[in-house]
C-alpha cells in the first residue's frame, strides 16, 4: 500500500501540499545566486565580440513601420466586405430559406 506522504531529504510532499524547511530554501537561493555570479564572471573575462549590423539601426525601425503600415492598409481594405455583397446574401437566404447550415 502506498504511503500518503513522501519524504526526500528535507522536503516533505503530501497530496497537493509541499512543505519545505527554511534551510532548503536558503540553500536553493544561494546555489542559484552562486551560479549566476559565476556566469557573469566568465562572461566578463571572455571579452566582447561586436557584430556589425547590415544596415543602420534606426533603419530597422523605419522598415518595420513601413511593413506594419502596409499590413494595416491591407487589413483596412477588407472593412465592410459583408455589406458590399448584401444583395447576394439576401438572394441566397431567399433561395435556401432563413435557416443557415453550418
N, C-alpha and C. Protein backbone atom coordinates (compact mmCIF):
# COMPACT_ATOMS: atom_id res chain seq x y z
N UNK A 1 0.84 -1.18 0.00
CA UNK A 1 0.00 0.00 0.00
C UNK A 1 0.88 1.24 0.00
N UNK A 2 0.54 2.22 -0.85
CA UNK A 2 1.34 3.44 -0.97
C UNK A 2 1.09 4.35 0.22
N UNK A 3 2.14 5.01 0.65
CA UNK A 3 2.01 5.95 1.76
C UNK A 3 1.46 7.28 1.24
N UNK A 4 0.64 7.98 2.01
CA UNK A 4 0.09 9.27 1.56
C UNK A 4 1.12 10.38 1.60
N UNK A 5 2.34 10.09 2.05
CA UNK A 5 3.37 11.13 2.12
C UNK A 5 4.68 10.55 1.64
N UNK A 6 5.57 11.41 1.27
CA UNK A 6 6.88 11.01 0.80
C UNK A 6 7.88 12.03 1.30
N UNK A 7 8.96 11.56 1.90
CA UNK A 7 9.98 12.46 2.40
C UNK A 7 11.26 12.25 1.61
N UNK A 8 11.77 13.32 1.02
CA UNK A 8 13.03 13.26 0.28
C UNK A 8 13.93 14.34 0.84
N UNK A 9 15.02 13.96 1.45
CA UNK A 9 15.91 14.94 2.05
C UNK A 9 15.17 15.74 3.10
N UNK A 10 15.14 17.06 2.93
CA UNK A 10 14.47 17.92 3.87
C UNK A 10 13.16 18.45 3.30
N UNK A 11 12.63 17.79 2.22
CA UNK A 11 11.39 18.22 1.60
C UNK A 11 10.34 17.14 1.81
N UNK A 12 9.18 17.50 2.32
CA UNK A 12 8.10 16.55 2.52
C UNK A 12 6.93 16.94 1.63
N UNK A 13 6.49 16.01 0.80
CA UNK A 13 5.39 16.28 -0.12
C UNK A 13 4.20 15.43 0.29
N UNK A 14 3.04 16.06 0.46
CA UNK A 14 1.82 15.32 0.78
C UNK A 14 0.75 15.73 -0.21
N UNK A 15 -0.01 14.80 -0.72
CA UNK A 15 -1.09 15.01 -1.67
C UNK A 15 -0.89 16.27 -2.53
N UNK A 16 -1.48 17.41 -2.20
CA UNK A 16 -1.37 18.62 -3.00
C UNK A 16 -0.52 19.70 -2.33
N UNK A 17 0.07 19.43 -1.20
CA UNK A 17 0.78 20.46 -0.45
C UNK A 17 2.25 20.12 -0.36
N UNK A 18 3.11 21.11 -0.51
CA UNK A 18 4.54 20.89 -0.42
C UNK A 18 5.08 21.73 0.73
N UNK A 19 5.77 21.07 1.64
CA UNK A 19 6.35 21.75 2.78
C UNK A 19 7.87 21.69 2.65
N UNK A 20 8.54 22.83 2.76
CA UNK A 20 10.00 22.83 2.75
C UNK A 20 10.48 23.55 3.99
N UNK A 21 11.62 23.15 4.44
CA UNK A 21 12.19 23.84 5.59
C UNK A 21 12.84 25.12 5.10
N UNK A 22 13.03 26.05 5.97
CA UNK A 22 13.69 27.30 5.61
C UNK A 22 15.11 27.07 5.15
N UNK A 23 15.77 26.08 5.71
CA UNK A 23 17.15 25.77 5.35
C UNK A 23 17.24 25.37 3.88
N UNK A 24 16.32 24.55 3.38
CA UNK A 24 16.34 24.10 1.99
C UNK A 24 16.15 25.28 1.04
N UNK A 25 15.28 26.19 1.38
CA UNK A 25 15.03 27.35 0.54
C UNK A 25 16.25 28.24 0.46
N UNK A 26 16.92 28.45 1.58
CA UNK A 26 18.13 29.28 1.60
C UNK A 26 19.24 28.64 0.77
N UNK A 27 19.40 27.32 0.88
CA UNK A 27 20.42 26.62 0.10
C UNK A 27 20.12 26.73 -1.39
N UNK A 28 18.86 26.61 -1.77
CA UNK A 28 18.47 26.72 -3.17
C UNK A 28 18.76 28.12 -3.71
N UNK A 29 18.40 29.15 -2.96
CA UNK A 29 18.64 30.53 -3.38
C UNK A 29 20.14 30.80 -3.47
N UNK A 30 20.91 30.33 -2.51
CA UNK A 30 22.36 30.53 -2.53
C UNK A 30 22.99 29.84 -3.74
N UNK A 31 22.50 28.65 -4.08
CA UNK A 31 23.03 27.93 -5.24
C UNK A 31 22.76 28.67 -6.53
N UNK A 32 21.56 29.20 -6.68
CA UNK A 32 21.21 29.95 -7.87
C UNK A 32 22.04 31.23 -7.95
N UNK A 33 22.21 31.90 -6.82
CA UNK A 33 22.99 33.13 -6.78
C UNK A 33 24.44 32.88 -7.16
N UNK A 34 25.04 31.82 -6.62
CA UNK A 34 26.44 31.49 -6.92
C UNK A 34 26.59 31.14 -8.40
N UNK A 35 25.63 30.42 -8.95
CA UNK A 35 25.68 30.06 -10.37
C UNK A 35 25.60 31.31 -11.24
N UNK A 36 24.74 32.24 -10.86
CA UNK A 36 24.60 33.49 -11.62
C UNK A 36 25.87 34.31 -11.56
N UNK A 37 26.48 34.41 -10.39
CA UNK A 37 27.72 35.16 -10.23
C UNK A 37 28.84 34.53 -11.05
N UNK A 38 28.93 33.21 -11.06
CA UNK A 38 29.95 32.53 -11.85
C UNK A 38 29.75 32.78 -13.34
N UNK A 39 28.52 32.76 -13.79
CA UNK A 39 28.22 33.01 -15.21
C UNK A 39 28.61 34.43 -15.60
N UNK A 40 28.32 35.39 -14.75
CA UNK A 40 28.67 36.78 -15.03
C UNK A 40 30.18 36.96 -15.06
N UNK A 41 30.89 36.30 -14.13
CA UNK A 41 32.34 36.42 -14.09
C UNK A 41 32.98 35.85 -15.35
N UNK A 42 32.51 34.70 -15.82
CA UNK A 42 33.05 34.10 -17.04
C UNK A 42 32.76 34.98 -18.24
N UNK A 43 31.56 35.55 -18.31
CA UNK A 43 31.20 36.41 -19.43
C UNK A 43 32.05 37.69 -19.43
N UNK A 44 32.38 38.21 -18.27
CA UNK A 44 33.17 39.43 -18.18
C UNK A 44 34.60 39.19 -18.65
N UNK A 45 35.15 38.02 -18.36
CA UNK A 45 36.52 37.71 -18.75
C UNK A 45 36.63 37.39 -20.24
N UNK A 46 35.55 36.92 -20.84
CA UNK A 46 35.61 36.47 -22.23
C UNK A 46 35.78 37.64 -23.20
N UNK A 47 35.43 38.84 -22.83
CA UNK A 47 35.52 39.98 -23.73
C UNK A 47 34.28 40.08 -24.59
N UNK A 48 34.26 41.09 -25.43
CA UNK A 48 33.09 41.33 -26.26
C UNK A 48 33.44 41.18 -27.72
N UNK A 49 32.53 40.59 -28.46
CA UNK A 49 32.67 40.50 -29.89
C UNK A 49 31.51 41.26 -30.51
N UNK A 50 31.83 42.30 -31.25
CA UNK A 50 30.79 43.12 -31.86
C UNK A 50 30.55 42.66 -33.28
N UNK A 51 29.31 42.41 -33.60
CA UNK A 51 28.93 42.07 -34.96
C UNK A 51 28.27 43.29 -35.58
N UNK A 52 28.73 43.65 -36.74
CA UNK A 52 28.18 44.81 -37.41
C UNK A 52 26.80 44.48 -37.98
N UNK A 53 25.88 45.43 -37.88
CA UNK A 53 24.57 45.27 -38.49
C UNK A 53 24.69 45.52 -39.99
N UNK A 54 23.85 44.92 -40.78
CA UNK A 54 23.94 45.06 -42.23
C UNK A 54 23.24 46.32 -42.74
N UNK A 55 22.59 47.05 -41.83
CA UNK A 55 22.07 48.38 -42.16
C UNK A 55 22.02 49.16 -40.85
N UNK A 56 21.99 50.49 -40.92
CA UNK A 56 21.97 51.29 -39.69
C UNK A 56 20.77 50.94 -38.80
N UNK A 57 20.98 50.94 -37.50
CA UNK A 57 19.97 50.51 -36.54
C UNK A 57 18.64 51.27 -36.67
N UNK A 58 18.62 52.61 -36.83
CA UNK A 58 17.33 53.30 -36.95
C UNK A 58 16.55 52.86 -38.19
N UNK A 59 17.25 52.39 -39.20
CA UNK A 59 16.58 51.97 -40.42
C UNK A 59 15.73 50.72 -40.18
N UNK A 60 16.10 49.89 -39.22
CA UNK A 60 15.27 48.73 -38.87
C UNK A 60 13.89 49.19 -38.41
N UNK A 61 13.84 50.23 -37.60
CA UNK A 61 12.56 50.77 -37.15
C UNK A 61 11.74 51.33 -38.30
N UNK A 62 12.41 52.02 -39.22
CA UNK A 62 11.70 52.59 -40.38
C UNK A 62 11.11 51.47 -41.23
N UNK A 63 11.89 50.42 -41.49
CA UNK A 63 11.42 49.30 -42.29
C UNK A 63 10.21 48.64 -41.63
N UNK A 64 10.28 48.42 -40.33
CA UNK A 64 9.15 47.78 -39.63
C UNK A 64 7.92 48.68 -39.65
N UNK A 65 8.12 49.99 -39.52
CA UNK A 65 6.99 50.91 -39.58
C UNK A 65 6.31 50.83 -40.94
N UNK A 66 7.10 50.82 -42.00
CA UNK A 66 6.55 50.72 -43.36
C UNK A 66 5.82 49.39 -43.54
N UNK A 67 6.43 48.32 -43.06
CA UNK A 67 5.81 46.99 -43.18
C UNK A 67 4.47 46.94 -42.45
N UNK A 68 4.43 47.38 -41.21
CA UNK A 68 3.18 47.33 -40.45
C UNK A 68 2.13 48.29 -41.02
N UNK A 69 2.57 49.42 -41.57
CA UNK A 69 1.63 50.32 -42.22
C UNK A 69 1.00 49.67 -43.44
N UNK A 70 1.82 48.97 -44.23
CA UNK A 70 1.30 48.26 -45.40
C UNK A 70 0.31 47.18 -44.98
N UNK A 71 0.63 46.44 -43.94
CA UNK A 71 -0.29 45.41 -43.44
C UNK A 71 -1.59 46.02 -42.91
N UNK A 72 -1.49 47.18 -42.27
CA UNK A 72 -2.69 47.86 -41.77
C UNK A 72 -3.57 48.30 -42.94
N UNK A 73 -2.96 48.75 -44.02
CA UNK A 73 -3.74 49.17 -45.20
C UNK A 73 -4.45 47.97 -45.80
N UNK A 74 -3.76 46.83 -45.89
CA UNK A 74 -4.39 45.62 -46.42
C UNK A 74 -5.56 45.20 -45.54
N UNK A 75 -5.35 45.22 -44.23
CA UNK A 75 -6.42 44.86 -43.30
C UNK A 75 -7.59 45.83 -43.42
N UNK A 76 -7.30 47.12 -43.52
CA UNK A 76 -8.34 48.15 -43.62
C UNK A 76 -9.14 48.01 -44.91
N UNK A 77 -8.50 47.49 -45.94
CA UNK A 77 -9.20 47.36 -47.23
C UNK A 77 -10.30 46.31 -47.18
N UNK A 78 -10.27 45.43 -46.20
CA UNK A 78 -11.30 44.40 -46.08
C UNK A 78 -12.46 44.81 -45.18
N UNK A 79 -12.51 46.07 -44.76
CA UNK A 79 -13.60 46.51 -43.91
C UNK A 79 -14.91 46.51 -44.71
N UNK A 80 -15.97 46.20 -44.06
CA UNK A 80 -17.31 46.29 -44.63
C UNK A 80 -17.52 45.40 -45.86
N UNK A 81 -16.75 44.31 -45.97
CA UNK A 81 -16.86 43.42 -47.12
C UNK A 81 -18.23 42.74 -47.16
N UNK A 82 -18.77 42.36 -46.01
CA UNK A 82 -20.06 41.68 -45.97
C UNK A 82 -21.17 42.57 -46.52
N UNK A 83 -21.12 43.85 -46.25
CA UNK A 83 -22.16 44.74 -46.74
C UNK A 83 -22.03 45.04 -48.23
N UNK A 84 -20.85 44.85 -48.80
CA UNK A 84 -20.68 45.07 -50.23
C UNK A 84 -21.48 44.04 -51.04
N UNK A 85 -21.69 42.88 -50.46
CA UNK A 85 -22.37 41.80 -51.16
C UNK A 85 -23.70 41.46 -50.49
N UNK A 86 -24.37 42.46 -49.96
CA UNK A 86 -25.63 42.24 -49.26
C UNK A 86 -26.69 41.66 -50.19
N UNK A 87 -26.69 42.08 -51.46
CA UNK A 87 -27.69 41.56 -52.40
C UNK A 87 -27.52 40.05 -52.58
N UNK A 88 -26.29 39.60 -52.74
CA UNK A 88 -26.03 38.18 -52.91
C UNK A 88 -26.46 37.40 -51.66
N UNK A 89 -26.19 37.96 -50.49
CA UNK A 89 -26.55 37.28 -49.26
C UNK A 89 -28.07 37.17 -49.12
N UNK A 90 -28.79 38.23 -49.50
CA UNK A 90 -30.25 38.19 -49.42
C UNK A 90 -30.83 37.20 -50.43
N UNK A 91 -30.26 37.15 -51.64
CA UNK A 91 -30.72 36.20 -52.65
C UNK A 91 -30.48 34.77 -52.19
N UNK A 92 -29.34 34.52 -51.58
CA UNK A 92 -29.04 33.19 -51.06
C UNK A 92 -30.03 32.81 -49.97
N UNK A 93 -30.33 33.75 -49.07
CA UNK A 93 -31.27 33.49 -47.99
C UNK A 93 -32.66 33.19 -48.53
N UNK A 94 -33.07 33.89 -49.59
CA UNK A 94 -34.38 33.62 -50.18
C UNK A 94 -34.42 32.23 -50.82
N UNK A 95 -33.36 31.85 -51.51
CA UNK A 95 -33.34 30.56 -52.19
C UNK A 95 -33.25 29.38 -51.23
N UNK A 96 -32.51 29.54 -50.16
CA UNK A 96 -32.27 28.43 -49.24
C UNK A 96 -33.03 28.56 -47.93
N UNK A 97 -33.89 29.49 -47.83
CA UNK A 97 -34.65 29.68 -46.60
C UNK A 97 -33.86 30.47 -45.59
N UNK A 98 -34.49 30.75 -44.48
CA UNK A 98 -33.86 31.57 -43.44
C UNK A 98 -32.88 30.76 -42.60
N UNK A 99 -32.90 29.44 -42.72
CA UNK A 99 -32.01 28.61 -41.92
C UNK A 99 -30.59 28.67 -42.48
N UNK A 100 -29.68 28.68 -41.60
CA UNK A 100 -28.26 28.67 -42.00
C UNK A 100 -27.71 27.29 -41.69
N UNK A 101 -26.99 26.70 -42.61
CA UNK A 101 -26.38 25.41 -42.42
C UNK A 101 -24.89 25.60 -42.16
N UNK A 102 -24.44 24.98 -41.07
CA UNK A 102 -23.01 25.11 -40.72
C UNK A 102 -22.32 23.82 -41.01
